[in-house]
Amino acid sequence: MTYSIVARDLETGELGVAVQTGTFGVGSGVPWAEAGVGAVATQSITDHSYGPFGLELMKAGRSADEALAGLVAADSKQQFRQVGMVDAEGRAAAHTGASCIRDCGHLVGDGFTVQANMMARDTVWPAMASEYQSAEGSLARRLLAALDAAEAEGGDFRGTQSAAILVVKGEPTGFPWRGRVSNLRVDDHEDPLGELRRLLDLEEDYRADRADHLREKDKIWIAAEQAAKDGDPSRARELLQPLFDLHPNWRDAVRASGEYGEFPGWEQVLD
């Protein structure tokens, strides 16, 4: 009982799912994605198997439509399910069972699908599609914009509680757990979309080593690491001294990072 969007970014090839609902922990069961394979949202009296089985079928060469049609045909309770899928080529498919709780429906577009059930009104999923197509920025940002549009139309008639975003790279990695770009969950919050946006801001700052939302320890570490890479271990040591004073185990963190190859000149820093 929720609303979601599944999409492939036409420029980067990234694949993603974003979802919000009026119950706890939506991120644990609805969104599924694998780099270079596809993405799935399975909801409405959720059968989690649509996620891993759908990905396996797409990995084997089935289109999103073929994978979804096969899974629906094998489901004795398909009338209660709602599922959206997008494959690595941007082919999208969706299913809304006849017994899903109204207002419910889906809309399939070029490289994306939106689906919703148990909504306050039937304008929710068209608003999601429209906003996604006009939004700018990263795939995660555009997916979040679609969720905002859904909520502006009334969203889940029970209210809000949890939300999630899962985005993976467009190129296959060979392993389901690799290639994740964004993997964020808000399991219980009065404003799940607001909290999801805060986490996305933080995640993107960490990824780009921007200082906007970083904790002080992270700012110190990034600055010291850059000084070491610039060939100035004395400056790195000077920057790290407050952390060393806080707890001696920060020295071992430098050692481990250096041995791993991410902190050049670590021996001089600690000498």
Protein backbone atom coordinates (compact mmCIF):
# COMPACT_ATOMS: atom_id res chain seq x y z
CA MET A 1 0.00 0.00 0.00
CA THR A 2 2.27 2.72 -1.30
CA TYR A 3 3.54 4.71 -4.26
CA SER A 4 6.81 4.24 -6.11
CA ILE A 5 8.77 5.04 -9.24
CA VAL A 6 11.22 2.78 -11.10
CA ALA A 7 13.44 4.36 -13.74
CA ARG A 8 16.56 4.26 -15.91
CA ASP A 9 18.50 7.47 -16.50
CA LEU A 10 18.86 7.95 -20.24
CA GLU A 11 22.25 9.70 -19.95
CA THR A 12 24.07 7.69 -17.26
CA GLY A 13 22.24 4.38 -17.55
CA GLU A 14 21.71 4.37 -13.78
CA LEU A 15 18.74 2.36 -12.55
CA GLY A 16 16.71 3.24 -9.50
CA VAL A 17 13.65 2.93 -7.31
CA ALA A 18 12.10 5.45 -4.93
CA VAL A 19 9.15 4.71 -2.66
CA GLN A 20 7.10 6.10 0.20
CA THR A 21 4.33 4.56 2.28
CA GLY A 22 2.21 4.92 5.41
CA THR A 23 3.71 1.90 7.21
CA PHE A 24 7.04 0.99 8.80
CA GLY A 25 10.20 0.06 6.89
CA VAL A 26 9.20 0.24 3.23
CA GLY A 27 12.84 0.05 2.14
CA SER A 28 13.20 -3.52 3.38
CA GLY A 29 10.91 -5.06 0.78
CA VAL A 30 9.72 -2.80 -2.04
CA PRO A 31 12.91 -1.57 -3.84
CA TRP A 32 15.24 -3.96 -5.68
CA ALA A 33 17.99 -3.13 -8.18
CA GLU A 34 21.20 -4.55 -9.58
CA ALA A 35 23.81 -2.62 -11.55
CA GLY A 36 23.53 -3.15 -15.30
CA VAL A 37 20.52 -5.46 -14.87
CA GLY A 38 17.36 -3.63 -13.84
CA ALA A 39 15.20 -2.28 -11.04
CA VAL A 40 11.97 -3.49 -9.45
CA ALA A 41 9.34 -2.11 -7.08
CA THR A 42 7.04 -4.78 -5.62
CA GLN A 43 4.15 -3.59 -3.43
CA SER A 44 0.47 -3.97 -2.47
CA ILE A 45 0.28 -7.03 -0.19
CA THR A 46 3.91 -7.35 -1.20
CA ASP A 47 5.40 -10.54 -2.57
CA HIS A 48 9.12 -9.91 -2.16
CA SER A 49 10.01 -12.64 -4.66
CA TYR A 50 9.15 -10.34 -7.57
CA GLY A 51 12.34 -8.42 -6.72
CA PRO A 52 15.07 -11.08 -6.83
CA PHE A 53 13.27 -13.27 -9.39
CA GLY A 54 12.60 -10.30 -11.63
CA LEU A 55 16.26 -9.32 -11.55
CA GLU A 56 17.36 -12.87 -12.28
CA LEU A 57 15.07 -13.06 -15.30
CA MET A 58 16.31 -9.73 -16.66
CA LYS A 59 19.91 -10.82 -16.06
CA ALA A 60 19.13 -13.90 -18.15
CA GLY A 61 18.06 -11.68 -21.06
CA ARG A 62 14.33 -11.23 -20.54
CA SER A 63 12.89 -7.78 -21.04
CA ALA A 64 11.13 -6.09 -18.14
CA ASP A 65 7.77 -6.88 -19.76
CA GLU A 66 8.66 -10.54 -20.30
CA ALA A 67 10.00 -10.94 -16.77
CA LEU A 68 6.97 -9.33 -15.18
CA ALA A 69 4.48 -11.23 -17.33
CA GLY A 70 6.07 -14.55 -16.36
CA LEU A 71 6.04 -13.78 -12.65
CA VAL A 72 2.44 -12.52 -12.71
CA ALA A 73 1.30 -15.63 -14.58
CA ALA A 74 2.84 -17.84 -11.90
CA ASP A 75 1.29 -15.91 -9.00
CA SER A 76 -2.02 -17.30 -7.75
CA LYS A 77 -2.68 -13.99 -5.96
CA GLN A 78 -1.59 -11.68 -8.76
CA GLN A 79 -4.84 -9.70 -8.43
CA PHE A 80 -3.51 -8.22 -5.17
CA ARG A 81 -0.04 -7.32 -6.46
CA GLN A 82 1.34 -4.11 -7.86
CA VAL A 83 4.78 -4.22 -9.48
CA GLY A 84 6.94 -1.96 -11.65
CA MET A 85 10.09 -3.03 -13.53
CA VAL A 86 12.70 -1.39 -15.74
CA ASP A 87 15.53 -3.28 -17.45
CA ALA A 88 19.02 -2.12 -18.41
CA GLU A 89 17.82 -1.04 -21.85
CA GLY A 90 15.13 1.19 -20.38
CA ARG A 91 12.20 -1.05 -21.24
CA ALA A 92 9.54 -0.58 -18.56
CA ALA A 93 6.53 -2.61 -17.46
CA ALA A 94 3.97 -2.49 -14.66
CA HIS A 95 1.13 -4.54 -13.22
CA THR A 96 -1.76 -3.40 -11.03
CA GLY A 97 -3.98 -6.25 -9.88
CA ALA A 98 -7.75 -5.90 -10.02
CA SER A 99 -8.04 -6.29 -6.24
CA CYS A 100 -5.52 -3.60 -5.27
CA ILE A 101 -6.97 -1.02 -2.87
CA ARG A 102 -8.16 2.14 -4.60
CA ASP A 103 -7.29 4.65 -5.64
CA CYS A 104 -4.73 2.64 -7.56
CA GLY A 105 -3.07 2.50 -10.93
CA HIS A 106 0.15 2.84 -12.89
CA LEU A 107 1.63 4.71 -15.82
CA VAL A 108 4.46 3.43 -18.02
CA GLY A 109 6.66 5.96 -19.80
CA ASP A 110 9.94 6.10 -21.69
CA GLY A 111 12.41 4.42 -19.36
CA PHE A 112 10.25 4.60 -16.25
CA THR A 113 7.08 3.44 -14.57
CA VAL A 114 5.10 4.90 -11.67
CA GLN A 115 2.61 2.90 -9.61
CA ALA A 116 0.44 3.63 -6.60
CA ASN A 117 -2.29 2.04 -4.55
CA MET A 118 -4.28 3.05 -1.47
CA MET A 119 -4.00 6.68 -2.58
CA ALA A 120 -6.00 9.70 -1.51
CA ARG A 121 -6.89 10.41 -5.16
CA ASP A 122 -6.25 9.10 -8.66
CA THR A 123 -4.05 12.05 -9.67
CA VAL A 124 -1.06 10.77 -7.67
CA TRP A 125 0.72 8.61 -10.25
CA PRO A 126 0.17 10.96 -13.23
CA ALA A 127 1.68 13.76 -11.12
CA MET A 128 4.69 11.55 -10.37
CA ALA A 129 5.24 10.84 -14.06
CA SER A 130 4.96 14.50 -15.01
CA GLU A 131 7.36 15.67 -12.31
CA TYR A 132 9.94 12.99 -13.05
CA GLN A 133 10.02 13.92 -16.73
CA SER A 134 10.50 17.63 -16.01
CA ALA A 135 12.88 17.37 -13.03
CA GLU A 136 16.62 17.97 -13.34
CA GLY A 137 19.69 16.64 -11.57
CA SER A 138 20.86 13.15 -10.68
CA LEU A 139 18.56 10.17 -11.00
CA ALA A 140 18.16 10.05 -7.21
CA ARG A 141 17.10 13.71 -7.18
CA ARG A 142 14.56 13.19 -9.95
CA LEU A 143 13.13 10.12 -8.22
CA LEU A 144 12.76 12.10 -5.02
CA ALA A 145 11.03 14.90 -6.94
CA ALA A 146 8.49 12.36 -8.16
CA LEU A 147 7.78 11.32 -4.57
CA ASP A 148 7.30 14.98 -3.62
CA ALA A 149 4.78 15.35 -6.43
CA ALA A 150 2.87 12.31 -5.20
CA GLU A 151 2.68 13.68 -1.68
CA ALA A 152 1.51 17.05 -2.99
CA GLU A 153 -1.45 15.23 -4.55
CA GLY A 154 -2.41 13.64 -1.24
CA GLY A 155 -0.25 10.50 -1.32
CA ASP A 156 -1.16 7.49 0.83
CA PHE A 157 -4.53 8.21 2.46
CA ARG A 158 -3.19 6.79 5.76
CA GLY A 159 -0.42 9.40 5.91
CA THR A 160 3.36 8.96 5.78
CA GLN A 161 5.85 6.90 7.78
CA SER A 162 8.71 5.46 5.72
CA ALA A 163 10.57 6.05 2.44
CA ALA A 164 13.58 4.75 0.52
CA ILE A 165 15.78 5.35 -2.52
CA LEU A 166 17.94 2.73 -4.23
CA VAL A 167 20.08 3.69 -7.27
CA VAL A 168 22.67 1.50 -8.99
CA LYS A 169 25.13 2.03 -11.82
CA GLY A 170 24.28 1.32 -15.43
CA GLU A 171 27.23 -0.98 -16.05
CA PRO A 172 27.08 -4.54 -14.66
CA THR A 173 29.53 -5.43 -11.90
CA GLY A 174 28.93 -9.18 -11.76
CA PHE A 175 27.89 -8.99 -8.12
CA PRO A 176 24.45 -7.91 -6.78
CA TRP A 177 25.97 -5.97 -3.88
CA ARG A 178 28.32 -3.85 -6.00
CA GLY A 179 27.62 -0.76 -8.05
CA ARG A 180 25.23 0.95 -5.64
CA VAL A 181 25.14 4.73 -5.99
CA SER A 182 22.45 5.56 -3.40
CA ASN A 183 20.98 3.18 -0.86
CA LEU A 184 18.97 5.18 1.67
CA ARG A 185 16.15 4.18 4.01
CA VAL A 186 13.94 6.10 6.41
CA ASP A 187 12.07 3.41 8.32
CA ASP A 188 10.02 5.59 10.68
CA HIS A 189 9.72 9.38 10.59
CA GLU A 190 7.09 12.13 10.78
CA ASP A 191 8.48 13.60 7.55
CA PRO A 192 10.11 10.69 5.68
CA LEU A 193 10.66 12.63 2.46
CA GLY A 194 12.29 15.50 4.30
CA GLU A 195 14.55 13.08 6.14
CA LEU A 196 15.31 11.21 2.92
CA ARG A 197 16.36 14.49 1.32
CA ARG A 198 18.64 15.26 4.28
CA LEU A 199 20.29 11.85 3.95
CA LEU A 200 20.68 12.27 0.18
CA ASP A 201 22.35 15.66 0.74
CA LEU A 202 24.72 14.03 3.20
CA GLU A 203 25.43 11.04 0.96
CA GLU A 204 26.24 13.23 -2.03
CA ASP A 205 28.50 15.43 0.11
CA TYR A 206 30.43 12.40 1.31
CA ARG A 207 30.71 11.08 -2.22
CA ALA A 208 32.09 14.39 -3.50
CA ASP A 209 34.13 15.15 -0.34
CA ARG A 210 32.17 18.39 0.05
CA ALA A 211 32.15 19.94 3.51
CA ASP A 212 28.54 21.21 3.49
CA HIS A 213 27.07 18.53 5.76
CA LEU A 214 30.16 16.70 6.99
CA ARG A 215 30.94 16.20 10.67
CA GLU A 216 34.05 17.96 11.99
CA LYS A 217 36.04 14.70 12.18
CA ASP A 218 35.31 14.03 8.51
CA LYS A 219 36.38 17.53 7.49
CA ILE A 220 39.66 17.07 9.36
CA TRP A 221 40.28 13.64 7.83
CA ILE A 222 39.56 14.75 4.26
CA ALA A 223 41.79 17.82 4.61
CA ALA A 224 44.64 15.76 6.09
CA GLU A 225 44.30 13.07 3.44
CA GLN A 226 44.49 15.73 0.72
CA ALA A 227 47.58 17.27 2.33
CA ALA A 228 49.23 13.84 2.32
CA LYS A 229 48.35 13.35 -1.33
CA ASP A 230 49.87 16.76 -2.05
CA GLY A 231 53.14 15.53 -0.51
CA ASP A 232 52.91 17.50 2.74
CA PRO A 233 52.90 14.96 5.60
CA SER A 234 53.78 17.66 8.15
CA ARG A 235 50.62 19.57 7.29
CA ALA A 236 48.63 16.34 7.41
CA ARG A 237 49.99 15.64 10.88
CA GLU A 238 49.14 19.18 12.01
CA LEU A 239 45.56 18.78 10.80
CA LEU A 240 45.18 15.37 12.45
CA GLN A 241 46.57 16.39 15.84
CA PRO A 242 43.12 17.27 17.31
CA LEU A 243 41.92 13.75 16.44
CA PHE A 244 45.08 12.19 17.90
CA ASP A 245 44.50 14.20 21.08
CA LEU A 246 40.89 13.02 21.20
CA HIS A 247 41.77 9.32 21.03
CA PRO A 248 45.06 7.53 20.26
CA ASN A 249 43.33 4.98 18.03
CA TRP A 250 43.04 7.67 15.33
CA ARG A 251 46.74 6.97 14.72
CA ASP A 252 45.89 3.37 13.91
CA ALA A 253 43.17 4.59 11.55
CA VAL A 254 45.87 6.47 9.63
CA ARG A 255 48.05 3.36 9.60
CA ALA A 256 45.24 1.15 8.25
CA SER A 257 44.22 3.71 5.62
CA GLY A 258 47.84 4.06 4.55
CA GLU A 259 48.44 0.33 4.28
CA TYR A 260 45.27 0.10 2.21
CA GLY A 261 46.73 2.66 -0.19
CA GLU A 262 44.47 5.64 0.54
CA PHE A 263 46.81 7.75 2.72
CA PRO A 264 50.20 8.27 1.03
CA GLY A 265 53.14 9.04 3.28
CA TRP A 266 51.34 7.74 6.35
CA GLU A 267 54.58 6.55 7.93
CA GLN A 268 55.92 10.13 7.90
CA VAL A 269 52.64 11.43 9.29
CA LEU A 270 52.93 9.12 12.28
CA ASP A 271 56.71 9.48 12.73
